[in-house]
């Protein structure tokens, strides 16, 4: 076996690969349920929630693009923060790893739940164990791809994401004839209802912070990182709005599928064949989850590698196979975390809601600190004003997490309390 001695990652990701990674990381299984949940909350104005969330996230992405172009690195958002607040990087890195530790199993469990439902396994007394096993079946191959190296993982990501975007675009386009039947007054929509819908839909617009962890492997990060963020955002926004309108066109507000499987209901309405629709939906779910996890596992292993390289974890986590520049020991550590989380889910010590909410709050905290870093690093008055407004928006949303923020606080303090021996 090749000796693991390297501490630098190879630049193997080109422009198309960068966009594919961004799309694969951002578009997750939540899009299969969120359009229905937002519709139920916001009524006929639901599509506004998706558009306004896009407007809301845009300033953050502008800041991320600016910082990612200037400070590419495997640490991702923690790399941005360290240039403004060097002493905060270890704590922020642990917050990011804590988000990966819960968020990636949550993605796999979401897809596993759909698969279990398709085969009628979700109503059994041991369904939690079955779903955990299926989730492990998602995580194992994508971790194996990452183990083989960035070139193979990137190639598979390009193919899978291209297929994913084409499939979603086809569904959205086939639904266009139904737009004329949309009743935008259904459910007596109100602005507070739209606000509540935005609070749900905002989680579909996260993921670009993971892309930053792979920026060290971009061939030209100063050019490709902002381009990947901009192009993926445009594609994501169009797909989300298209799917949201499809749900409003083909799913009645009182339909039980609105909350559980609105995307499936849309496919059934368009195709008309129940068995074929469920089969296509299950295949599409597997594609989405695989693409989502492939990019996320790639990013997570690089984050662990980076914090080890800085000396805040055991040194062996910062080593990789020299020929492939793959941080395999970081991947092993990540795999152990996945197994522990899936076992905790199987024994019902953790719920999917717990995992999603806690991972989401960690990403939010990092957004907040990254914006503060942007404010410190920028000198132009108009850019500082832009950052200040963005920071204010983030603070407004911050209160929703409540006492759960203690998890982020504990993770932040951990590296300083348990510094590895030199």
Protein backbone atom coordinates (compact mmCIF):
# COMPACT_ATOMS: atom_id res chain seq x y z
CA UNK A 1 0.00 0.00 0.00
CA UNK A 2 1.35 3.51 -0.83
CA UNK A 3 2.74 5.39 2.13
CA UNK A 4 0.54 8.15 3.51
CA UNK A 5 2.87 11.11 3.73
CA UNK A 6 1.29 13.97 1.80
CA UNK A 7 -0.32 17.06 3.28
CA UNK A 8 -1.33 18.87 0.08
CA UNK A 9 -4.37 18.18 -2.09
CA UNK A 10 -4.20 17.98 -5.90
CA UNK A 11 -5.99 20.51 -8.11
CA UNK A 12 -8.17 18.17 -10.16
CA UNK A 13 -11.57 19.93 -10.28
CA UNK A 14 -12.32 21.92 -13.43
CA UNK A 15 -15.17 24.39 -14.12
CA UNK A 16 -17.82 21.79 -15.04
CA UNK A 17 -16.85 19.63 -12.07
CA UNK A 18 -17.13 22.62 -9.75
CA UNK A 19 -20.68 23.39 -10.92
CA UNK A 20 -21.65 19.70 -10.71
CA UNK A 21 -20.34 19.49 -7.15
CA UNK A 22 -22.28 22.61 -6.16
CA UNK A 23 -25.54 21.30 -7.64
CA UNK A 24 -25.09 17.85 -6.12
CA UNK A 25 -24.44 19.28 -2.66
CA UNK A 26 -27.25 21.86 -2.67
CA UNK A 27 -30.08 19.86 -4.25
CA UNK A 28 -31.08 17.34 -1.60
CA UNK A 29 -33.94 15.02 -0.75
CA UNK A 30 -35.69 17.84 1.07
CA UNK A 31 -36.94 19.13 -2.26
CA UNK A 32 -39.23 16.09 -2.48
CA UNK A 33 -41.17 17.15 0.62
CA UNK A 34 -40.47 20.86 1.14
CA UNK A 35 -42.56 22.15 -1.82
CA UNK A 36 -45.64 20.50 -0.29
CA UNK A 37 -44.87 21.68 3.24
CA UNK A 38 -44.36 25.25 2.03
CA UNK A 39 -47.59 25.08 -0.01
CA UNK A 40 -49.51 23.87 3.05
CA UNK A 41 -48.06 26.73 5.10
CA UNK A 42 -48.26 29.59 2.58
CA UNK A 43 -51.24 28.64 0.42
CA UNK A 44 -51.45 30.06 -3.09
CA UNK A 45 -48.53 32.40 -2.47
CA UNK A 46 -46.15 29.50 -1.76
CA UNK A 47 -44.04 30.15 -4.85
CA UNK A 48 -43.28 33.60 -3.40
CA UNK A 49 -41.60 31.93 -0.42
CA UNK A 50 -39.19 30.15 -2.77
CA UNK A 51 -38.43 33.30 -4.76
CA UNK A 52 -37.97 35.48 -1.67
CA UNK A 53 -35.68 32.90 -0.06
CA UNK A 54 -33.58 33.04 -3.21
CA UNK A 55 -33.38 36.82 -2.85
CA UNK A 56 -32.57 36.39 0.86
CA UNK A 57 -29.71 33.93 0.30
CA UNK A 58 -28.17 35.88 -2.58
CA UNK A 59 -26.23 38.38 -0.38
CA UNK A 60 -24.71 35.47 1.56
CA UNK A 61 -23.63 33.83 -1.68
CA UNK A 62 -22.06 37.07 -2.91
CA UNK A 63 -20.03 37.18 0.31
CA UNK A 64 -19.13 33.49 0.05
CA UNK A 65 -18.03 33.93 -3.56
CA UNK A 66 -15.84 36.88 -2.65
CA UNK A 67 -14.20 35.07 0.27
CA UNK A 68 -13.87 31.76 -1.59
CA UNK A 69 -12.12 33.43 -4.51
CA UNK A 70 -9.63 35.12 -2.19
CA UNK A 71 -9.07 32.34 0.37
CA UNK A 72 -9.47 28.85 -1.16
CA UNK A 73 -8.70 25.96 1.17
CA UNK A 74 -9.84 22.60 2.49
CA UNK A 75 -11.12 24.34 5.61
CA UNK A 76 -13.85 25.99 3.54
CA UNK A 77 -15.74 28.60 5.51
CA UNK A 78 -13.28 28.20 8.40
CA UNK A 79 -10.52 29.26 6.00
CA UNK A 80 -12.44 32.50 5.36
CA UNK A 81 -12.90 33.10 9.06
CA UNK A 82 -9.26 32.43 9.95
CA UNK A 83 -8.09 35.28 7.72
CA UNK A 84 -10.08 37.74 9.81
CA UNK A 85 -10.08 35.97 13.19
CA UNK A 86 -7.17 33.46 13.24
CA UNK A 87 -7.87 32.23 16.77
CA UNK A 88 -11.44 31.24 15.87
CA UNK A 89 -10.55 28.74 13.13
CA UNK A 90 -10.21 25.60 15.33
CA UNK A 91 -13.55 26.20 17.07
CA UNK A 92 -15.32 26.95 13.80
CA UNK A 93 -13.78 23.84 12.22
CA UNK A 94 -15.25 21.70 15.00
CA UNK A 95 -18.65 23.32 14.47
CA UNK A 96 -18.40 22.45 10.76
CA UNK A 97 -17.37 18.86 11.48
CA UNK A 98 -20.26 18.62 13.95
CA UNK A 99 -22.63 19.72 11.19
CA UNK A 100 -21.24 17.10 8.80
CA UNK A 101 -21.43 14.40 11.50
CA UNK A 102 -25.20 14.83 11.85
CA UNK A 103 -26.18 16.29 8.49
CA UNK A 104 -24.74 13.59 6.23
CA UNK A 105 -26.44 10.67 8.04
CA UNK A 106 -29.64 12.76 7.98
CA UNK A 107 -29.43 13.02 4.18
CA UNK A 108 -28.94 9.25 3.91
CA UNK A 109 -31.78 8.56 6.35
CA UNK A 110 -34.15 10.81 4.38
CA UNK A 111 -33.52 8.86 1.21
CA UNK A 112 -33.67 5.57 3.09
CA UNK A 113 -37.11 6.51 4.40
CA UNK A 114 -38.41 6.93 0.84
CA UNK A 115 -36.92 3.59 -0.22
CA UNK A 116 -38.40 1.82 2.82
CA UNK A 117 -41.79 3.36 2.07
CA UNK A 118 -41.64 2.18 -1.55
CA UNK A 119 -41.10 -1.42 -0.45
CA UNK A 120 -43.65 -1.19 2.39
CA UNK A 121 -41.05 -1.55 5.13
CA UNK A 122 -41.71 1.69 6.99
CA UNK A 123 -44.60 0.39 9.11
CA UNK A 124 -42.73 -2.49 10.74
CA UNK A 125 -41.66 -2.54 14.39
CA UNK A 126 -38.02 -2.73 13.31
CA UNK A 127 -38.35 -0.03 10.64
CA UNK A 128 -35.76 2.22 12.33
CA UNK A 129 -33.14 -0.52 11.98
CA UNK A 130 -34.17 -1.17 8.37
CA UNK A 131 -33.97 2.53 7.48
CA UNK A 132 -30.58 2.80 9.20
CA UNK A 133 -29.34 -0.16 7.18
CA UNK A 134 -30.53 1.37 3.91
CA UNK A 135 -28.90 4.67 4.90
CA UNK A 136 -25.65 2.79 5.46
CA UNK A 137 -26.10 1.38 1.97
CA UNK A 138 -26.10 4.96 0.64
CA UNK A 139 -23.10 6.08 2.69
CA UNK A 140 -20.85 3.07 2.00
CA UNK A 141 -20.47 3.44 -1.80
CA UNK A 142 -20.00 7.24 -1.76
CA UNK A 143 -17.34 6.87 0.95
CA UNK A 144 -15.75 4.19 -1.23
CA UNK A 145 -15.71 6.58 -4.19
CA UNK A 146 -14.03 9.24 -2.09
CA UNK A 147 -11.52 6.60 -0.93
CA UNK A 148 -10.52 5.91 -4.54
CA UNK A 149 -9.67 9.55 -5.13
CA UNK A 150 -11.03 12.85 -6.40
CA UNK A 151 -10.75 11.99 -10.11
CA UNK A 152 -13.12 9.00 -9.98
CA UNK A 153 -15.45 10.66 -7.46
CA UNK A 154 -15.58 13.81 -9.58
CA UNK A 155 -16.34 11.87 -12.77
CA UNK A 156 -19.22 10.01 -11.12
CA UNK A 157 -20.51 13.29 -9.68
CA UNK A 158 -20.55 14.92 -13.11
CA UNK A 159 -22.55 12.06 -14.63
CA UNK A 160 -25.02 11.72 -11.75
CA UNK A 161 -25.68 15.45 -11.40
CA UNK A 162 -26.21 15.87 -15.14
CA UNK A 163 -28.81 13.09 -15.01
CA UNK A 164 -30.41 14.63 -11.91
CA UNK A 165 -30.76 18.14 -13.34
CA UNK A 166 -32.15 16.80 -16.63
CA UNK A 167 -34.77 14.70 -14.79
CA UNK A 168 -35.90 17.56 -12.55
CA UNK A 169 -36.01 19.97 -15.48
CA UNK A 170 -38.12 17.51 -17.51
CA UNK A 171 -40.65 17.21 -14.67
CA UNK A 172 -40.81 21.00 -14.26
CA UNK A 173 -41.24 21.54 -18.02
CA UNK A 174 -43.92 18.84 -18.39
CA UNK A 175 -45.85 20.59 -15.60
CA UNK A 176 -45.97 23.94 -17.43
CA UNK A 177 -49.35 23.21 -19.14
CA UNK A 178 -50.87 22.97 -15.66
CA UNK A 179 -49.78 26.44 -14.59
CA UNK A 180 -52.94 27.94 -16.02
CA UNK A 181 -55.04 26.06 -13.46
CA UNK A 182 -53.13 27.36 -10.43
CA UNK A 183 -55.34 29.16 -7.94
CA UNK A 184 -53.08 31.70 -6.21
CA UNK A 185 -55.85 32.59 -3.76
CA UNK A 186 -56.23 29.08 -2.35
CA UNK A 187 -55.77 28.78 1.40
CA UNK A 188 -56.40 32.50 1.97
CA UNK A 189 -52.67 33.33 1.72
CA UNK A 190 -51.16 36.01 3.95
CA UNK A 191 -47.72 37.56 4.32
CA UNK A 192 -47.18 35.88 7.72
CA UNK A 193 -47.92 32.59 5.96
CA UNK A 194 -45.31 33.38 3.31
CA UNK A 195 -42.82 34.20 6.08
CA UNK A 196 -43.46 30.80 7.70
CA UNK A 197 -43.04 29.15 4.33
CA UNK A 198 -39.71 30.93 3.86
CA UNK A 199 -38.53 29.57 7.24
CA UNK A 200 -39.14 26.06 5.90
CA UNK A 201 -37.78 26.55 2.38
CA UNK A 202 -34.56 28.27 3.47
CA UNK A 203 -32.98 24.88 4.27
CA UNK A 204 -33.18 23.96 0.58
CA UNK A 205 -30.78 26.83 -0.13
CA UNK A 206 -27.90 25.54 1.99
CA UNK A 207 -24.87 23.58 0.80
CA UNK A 208 -22.56 26.13 -0.78
CA UNK A 209 -20.62 26.26 2.48
CA UNK A 210 -19.65 22.61 1.84
CA UNK A 211 -18.43 23.46 -1.66
CA UNK A 212 -15.90 25.84 -0.08
CA UNK A 213 -14.16 22.84 1.55
CA UNK A 214 -13.26 21.51 -1.91
CA UNK A 215 -11.97 24.85 -3.28
CA UNK A 216 -8.33 23.87 -2.60
CA UNK A 217 -8.75 21.18 -5.29
CA UNK A 218 -10.13 23.57 -7.93
CA UNK A 219 -7.76 24.11 -10.85
CA UNK A 220 -8.43 27.86 -10.79
CA UNK A 221 -10.35 28.68 -7.57
CA UNK A 222 -10.19 32.45 -8.08
CA UNK A 223 -12.22 31.98 -11.28
CA UNK A 224 -14.11 28.73 -10.78
CA UNK A 225 -15.44 29.15 -7.22
CA UNK A 226 -17.53 32.29 -7.86
CA UNK A 227 -18.60 30.93 -11.26
CA UNK A 228 -19.75 27.62 -9.71
CA UNK A 229 -21.71 29.44 -7.01
CA UNK A 230 -23.38 31.81 -9.49
CA UNK A 231 -24.32 29.18 -12.10
CA UNK A 232 -25.51 26.63 -9.54
CA UNK A 233 -27.62 29.26 -7.76
CA UNK A 234 -29.34 30.24 -11.02
CA UNK A 235 -30.07 26.59 -11.89
CA UNK A 236 -31.24 25.76 -8.35
CA UNK A 237 -33.58 28.77 -8.21
CA UNK A 238 -35.18 27.89 -11.56
CA UNK A 239 -35.63 24.24 -10.56
CA UNK A 240 -37.12 25.10 -7.16
CA UNK A 241 -39.59 27.59 -8.62
CA UNK A 242 -40.51 25.15 -11.39
CA UNK A 243 -41.14 22.28 -8.95
CA UNK A 244 -43.05 24.59 -6.57
CA UNK A 245 -45.37 25.67 -9.40
CA UNK A 246 -45.77 22.03 -10.46
CA UNK A 247 -46.95 21.12 -6.95
CA UNK A 248 -49.40 24.02 -6.89
CA UNK A 249 -50.70 23.00 -10.31
CA UNK A 250 -51.21 19.27 -9.72
CA UNK A 251 -51.64 18.68 -5.97
CA UNK A 252 -54.84 19.75 -4.24
CA UNK A 253 -54.39 21.54 -0.88
CA UNK A 254 -56.34 18.80 0.92
CA UNK A 255 -54.42 15.93 -0.67
CA UNK A 256 -52.67 13.76 1.94
CA UNK A 257 -49.65 13.56 -0.38
CA UNK A 258 -49.06 17.29 -0.01
CA UNK A 259 -47.05 16.79 3.18
CA UNK A 260 -45.69 13.27 2.68
CA UNK A 261 -44.84 12.99 -1.04
CA UNK A 262 -45.89 16.01 -3.15
CA UNK A 263 -43.24 15.39 -5.81
CA UNK A 264 -44.52 11.84 -6.27
CA UNK A 265 -48.06 13.20 -6.65
CA UNK A 266 -46.84 15.53 -9.42
CA UNK A 267 -45.15 12.67 -11.30
CA UNK A 268 -48.29 10.52 -10.98
CA UNK A 269 -50.46 13.38 -12.30
CA UNK A 270 -48.19 13.88 -15.30
CA UNK A 271 -47.52 10.21 -16.15
CA UNK A 272 -50.79 8.72 -14.94
CA UNK A 273 -49.29 5.30 -14.17
CA UNK A 274 -49.09 4.73 -10.40
CA UNK A 275 -46.59 1.85 -10.46
CA UNK A 276 -44.34 3.50 -13.05
CA UNK A 277 -44.48 6.81 -11.18
CA UNK A 278 -43.40 5.25 -7.90
CA UNK A 279 -40.58 3.37 -9.61
CA UNK A 280 -39.29 6.52 -11.33
CA UNK A 281 -39.61 8.47 -8.10
CA UNK A 282 -37.61 5.87 -6.17
CA UNK A 283 -34.86 5.88 -8.81
CA UNK A 284 -34.76 9.68 -8.79
CA UNK A 285 -34.55 9.65 -4.98
CA UNK A 286 -31.55 7.32 -5.12
CA UNK A 287 -29.87 9.60 -7.69
CA UNK A 288 -30.48 12.73 -5.61
CA UNK A 289 -29.21 11.16 -2.39
CA UNK A 290 -26.13 9.69 -4.09
CA UNK A 291 -25.19 13.03 -5.68
CA UNK A 292 -25.86 14.90 -2.44
CA UNK A 293 -23.79 12.53 -0.31
CA UNK A 294 -20.94 12.21 -2.81
CA UNK A 295 -20.19 15.92 -2.71
CA UNK A 296 -20.84 16.21 1.02
CA UNK A 297 -18.57 13.28 2.01
CA UNK A 298 -15.87 14.72 -0.23
CA UNK A 299 -16.19 18.11 1.51
CA UNK A 300 -16.37 16.65 5.03
CA UNK A 301 -13.20 14.58 4.64
CA UNK A 302 -11.32 17.66 3.43
CA UNK A 303 -12.51 19.65 6.43
CA UNK A 304 -11.24 16.97 8.87
CA UNK A 305 -7.98 16.76 6.90
CA UNK A 306 -7.52 20.53 7.16
CA UNK A 307 -8.08 20.80 10.90
CA UNK A 308 -5.62 17.92 11.41
CA UNK A 309 -3.10 19.67 9.18
CA UNK A 310 -3.36 22.69 11.48
CA UNK A 311 -2.62 20.50 14.49
CA UNK A 312 -6.02 20.52 16.21
CA UNK A 313 -6.68 16.80 15.81
CA UNK A 314 -4.30 13.81 15.89
CA UNK A 315 -1.68 14.25 13.17
CA UNK A 316 -2.68 11.04 11.35
CA UNK A 317 -5.91 12.70 10.21
CA UNK A 318 -3.88 15.13 8.12
CA UNK A 319 -2.11 12.45 6.08
CA UNK A 320 -3.22 11.02 2.75
CA UNK A 321 -2.21 8.58 0.05
CA UNK A 322 0.36 10.52 -1.93
CA UNK A 323 -0.55 9.17 -5.38
CA UNK A 324 -4.27 10.04 -5.18
CA UNK A 325 -4.08 12.88 -2.63
CA UNK A 326 -6.98 11.24 -0.80
CA UNK A 327 -7.29 11.83 2.99
CA UNK A 328 -8.23 8.22 3.71
CA UNK A 329 -7.69 8.42 7.44
CA UNK A 330 -10.10 11.34 7.63
CA UNK A 331 -12.57 9.19 5.69
CA UNK A 332 -12.12 6.36 8.21
CA UNK A 333 -12.84 8.74 11.08
CA UNK A 334 -15.90 10.03 9.24
CA UNK A 335 -17.14 6.47 8.66
CA UNK A 336 -16.96 5.72 12.39
CA UNK A 337 -19.06 8.81 13.10
CA UNK A 338 -21.64 7.71 10.51
CA UNK A 339 -21.94 4.27 12.10
CA UNK A 340 -22.45 5.75 15.58
CA UNK A 341 -25.12 8.20 14.40
CA UNK A 342 -27.01 5.53 12.43
CA UNK A 343 -26.97 3.23 15.46
CA UNK A 344 -28.33 6.03 17.66
CA UNK A 345 -31.11 6.55 15.12
CA UNK A 346 -31.83 2.81 15.00
CA UNK A 347 -32.34 2.66 18.79
CA UNK A 348 -34.43 5.86 18.54
CA UNK A 349 -32.03 7.94 20.62
CA UNK A 350 -31.94 10.49 17.78
CA UNK A 351 -34.69 11.48 15.35
CA UNK A 352 -34.37 12.75 11.80
CA UNK A 353 -35.74 16.11 12.95
CA UNK A 354 -33.02 16.33 15.63
CA UNK A 355 -30.32 15.64 13.07
CA UNK A 356 -31.58 18.12 10.47
CA UNK A 357 -32.25 20.94 12.91
CA UNK A 358 -28.93 20.62 14.73
CA UNK A 359 -26.87 20.35 11.54
CA UNK A 360 -28.74 23.32 10.10
CA UNK A 361 -28.03 25.51 13.11
CA UNK A 362 -24.29 24.74 12.90
CA UNK A 363 -24.21 25.86 9.28
CA UNK A 364 -26.15 28.99 10.26
CA UNK A 365 -23.63 29.85 13.00
CA UNK A 366 -20.81 29.56 10.47
CA UNK A 367 -22.69 31.80 8.02
CA UNK A 368 -22.95 34.38 10.77
CA UNK A 369 -19.24 34.30 11.63
CA UNK A 370 -18.24 34.31 7.94
CA UNK A 371 -20.24 37.49 7.38
CA UNK A 372 -18.49 39.05 10.40
CA UNK A 373 -15.17 38.06 8.82
CA UNK A 374 -16.23 39.70 5.56
CA UNK A 375 -16.98 42.91 7.46
CA UNK A 376 -13.53 42.93 9.03
CA UNK A 377 -11.64 42.11 5.83
CA UNK A 378 -13.41 44.59 3.56
CA UNK A 379 -12.35 48.24 3.38
CA UNK A 380 -14.83 49.71 0.88
CA UNK A 381 -17.74 51.46 2.61
CA UNK A 382 -20.41 50.12 0.25
CA UNK A 383 -19.21 46.53 0.73
CA UNK A 384 -19.16 46.96 4.50
CA UNK A 385 -22.74 48.27 4.34
CA UNK A 386 -23.73 45.26 2.26
CA UNK A 387 -22.14 42.94 4.82
CA UNK A 388 -23.80 44.74 7.74
CA UNK A 389 -27.26 44.32 6.19
CA UNK A 390 -26.56 40.64 5.56
CA UNK A 391 -25.40 40.18 9.16
CA UNK A 392 -28.60 41.80 10.41
CA UNK A 393 -30.70 39.40 8.31
CA UNK A 394 -28.81 36.42 9.77
CA UNK A 395 -29.34 37.68 13.32
CA UNK A 396 -33.08 38.00 12.72
CA UNK A 397 -33.24 34.30 11.83
CA UNK A 398 -30.89 33.21 14.61
CA UNK A 399 -33.46 33.11 17.40
CA UNK A 400 -35.30 30.18 15.85
CA UNK A 401 -32.65 27.72 17.12
CA UNK A 402 -32.97 28.62 20.82
CA UNK A 403 -31.18 26.38 23.32
CA UNK A 404 -30.01 24.09 20.53
CA UNK A 405 -27.19 26.56 19.95
CA UNK A 406 -25.51 25.09 23.03
CA UNK A 407 -24.38 22.19 20.82
CA UNK A 408 -22.53 24.66 18.59
CA UNK A 409 -21.07 26.41 21.65
CA UNK A 410 -19.74 23.15 23.12
CA UNK A 411 -18.16 22.12 19.81
CA UNK A 412 -16.55 25.55 19.47
CA UNK A 413 -14.90 25.27 22.88
CA UNK A 414 -13.78 21.66 22.47
CA UNK A 415 -10.50 22.07 20.54
CA UNK A 416 -9.21 24.68 22.96
CA UNK A 417 -10.02 22.48 25.96
CA UNK A 418 -8.56 19.28 24.51
CA UNK A 419 -5.57 20.41 22.45
CA UNK A 420 -3.60 17.44 21.21
CA UNK A 421 -0.15 16.94 22.73
CA UNK A 422 2.65 18.14 20.48
